[in-house]
Protein backbone atom coordinates (compact mmCIF):
# COMPACT_ATOMS: atom_id res chain seq x y z
CA MET A 1 0.81 -9.01 1.26
CA TYR A 2 2.77 -6.96 3.82
CA PHE A 3 -0.03 -7.43 6.35
CA ALA A 4 -0.84 -11.07 5.55
CA GLN A 5 2.75 -12.33 5.32
CA PRO A 6 5.09 -9.77 6.90
CA SER A 7 8.52 -9.81 5.31
CA ALA A 8 11.06 -7.41 3.85
CA ASP A 9 11.73 -9.93 1.09
CA ILE A 10 9.91 -10.07 -2.23
CA PRO A 11 7.73 -13.21 -2.41
CA PRO A 12 8.14 -15.68 -5.27
CA LEU A 13 6.47 -14.65 -8.55
CA GLU A 14 3.91 -17.48 -8.33
CA GLN A 15 2.73 -16.13 -4.98
CA LEU A 16 2.54 -12.56 -6.29
CA LEU A 17 0.35 -13.67 -9.19
CA GLU A 18 -2.18 -15.15 -6.73
CA TRP A 19 -2.76 -11.85 -4.91
CA SER A 20 -5.61 -9.45 -5.60
CA TRP A 21 -4.14 -6.31 -7.15
CA PRO A 22 -5.59 -2.84 -7.59
CA GLU A 23 -8.42 -2.57 -10.06
CA TRP A 24 -7.89 -0.05 -12.85
CA VAL A 25 -10.58 2.61 -12.93
CA THR A 26 -8.75 4.46 -15.67
CA PRO A 27 -5.82 2.65 -17.24
CA PRO A 28 -2.69 4.69 -17.92
CA LEU A 29 -3.37 7.22 -20.65
CA ASN A 30 -0.91 8.79 -23.08
CA ASP A 31 -0.15 11.60 -20.63
CA GLY A 32 0.55 9.05 -17.85
CA VAL A 33 -2.58 9.70 -15.79
CA GLU A 34 -3.97 6.58 -14.14
CA VAL A 35 -6.55 5.82 -11.47
CA PHE A 36 -7.02 2.57 -9.59
CA ALA A 37 -9.08 1.29 -6.67
CA LEU A 38 -7.22 -0.55 -3.93
CA PRO A 39 -8.50 -4.04 -3.11
CA GLN A 40 -11.07 -4.09 -0.29
CA ARG A 41 -8.86 -6.51 1.66
CA LEU A 42 -6.02 -3.98 1.69
CA THR A 43 -8.34 -1.09 2.52
CA ARG A 44 -9.74 -2.99 5.52
CA ALA A 45 -6.23 -4.03 6.66
CA LEU A 46 -5.07 -0.42 6.55
CA ALA A 47 -8.22 0.81 8.31
CA ASP A 48 -7.80 -1.77 11.09
CA ALA A 49 -4.03 -1.37 11.50
CA GLY A 50 -2.83 0.01 14.80
CA SER A 51 0.17 2.27 15.23
CA THR A 52 2.51 -0.67 15.95
CA GLU A 53 1.42 -2.48 12.78
CA LEU A 54 1.91 0.64 10.70
CA GLU A 55 5.36 1.21 12.23
CA GLU A 56 6.36 -2.40 11.48
CA LEU A 57 4.99 -2.13 7.94
CA ALA A 58 6.90 1.11 7.35
CA ALA A 59 10.11 -0.47 8.63
CA ARG A 60 9.77 -3.55 6.38
CA TRP A 61 8.87 -1.43 3.37
CA THR A 62 11.76 1.00 3.97
CA THR A 63 14.18 -1.92 4.29
CA ARG A 64 12.99 -3.32 0.99
CA LEU A 65 13.13 0.02 -0.84
CA ARG A 66 16.68 0.60 0.34
CA SER A 67 17.84 -2.91 -0.54
CA ASP A 68 16.19 -2.92 -3.98
CA ASP A 69 17.33 0.41 -5.34
CA GLY A 70 19.10 2.36 -2.62
CA ASP A 71 16.15 4.73 -2.19
CA ASP A 72 16.89 7.69 0.10
CA ILE A 73 13.53 7.60 1.89
CA SER A 74 13.88 8.47 5.58
CA ASP A 75 12.47 6.28 8.32
CA ASP A 76 9.75 8.74 9.30
CA ASP A 77 8.58 9.68 5.77
CA LEU A 78 6.93 6.38 4.96
CA LEU A 79 5.31 6.04 8.39
CA ALA A 80 3.66 9.47 8.00
CA VAL A 81 2.38 8.48 4.56
CA LEU A 82 1.02 5.15 5.84
CA GLN A 83 -0.69 6.84 8.79
CA GLY A 84 -2.43 9.25 6.40
CA ILE A 85 -3.49 6.45 4.08
CA ALA A 86 -4.75 4.43 7.07
CA ARG A 87 -6.95 7.37 8.08
CA LEU A 88 -8.33 7.58 4.54
CA ALA A 89 -8.92 3.82 4.54
CA ALA A 90 -10.78 4.04 7.86
CA SER A 91 -13.00 6.77 6.40
CA ALA A 92 -13.65 4.67 3.28
CA VAL A 93 -14.57 1.61 5.34
CA SER A 94 -16.84 3.57 7.70
CA THR A 95 -18.75 5.11 4.79
CA GLY A 96 -18.87 1.99 2.64
CA GLY A 97 -16.63 3.65 0.07
CA ARG A 98 -13.44 2.65 -1.70
CA LEU A 99 -9.87 3.83 -1.54
CA TYR A 100 -8.50 5.16 -4.82
CA SER A 101 -5.12 6.28 -6.04
CA TRP A 102 -4.24 8.35 -9.04
CA SER A 103 -0.97 9.50 -10.47
CA PHE A 104 0.43 11.29 -13.47
């Protein structure tokens, strides 16, 4: 959504419900571990994003994080994370793979 309709504002709920969201590979378990695959559309957008697009995305995202909950994220932290994820996305696209995330 940040690539398709750039904005620091949260879209209306009806619009959010229309978007393709990550697909659970392993739903959250009792210990909090979860794995999901990012939508192909997002993976391709990240893989194709240039440095200017990633910088703009990081700026919009940082603005939103700070306005929503006063997060202390610095301006360069999120850009570095997005650049790393974009490299992983480019690798996934070039090999015909997927981009996954897991947390616990």
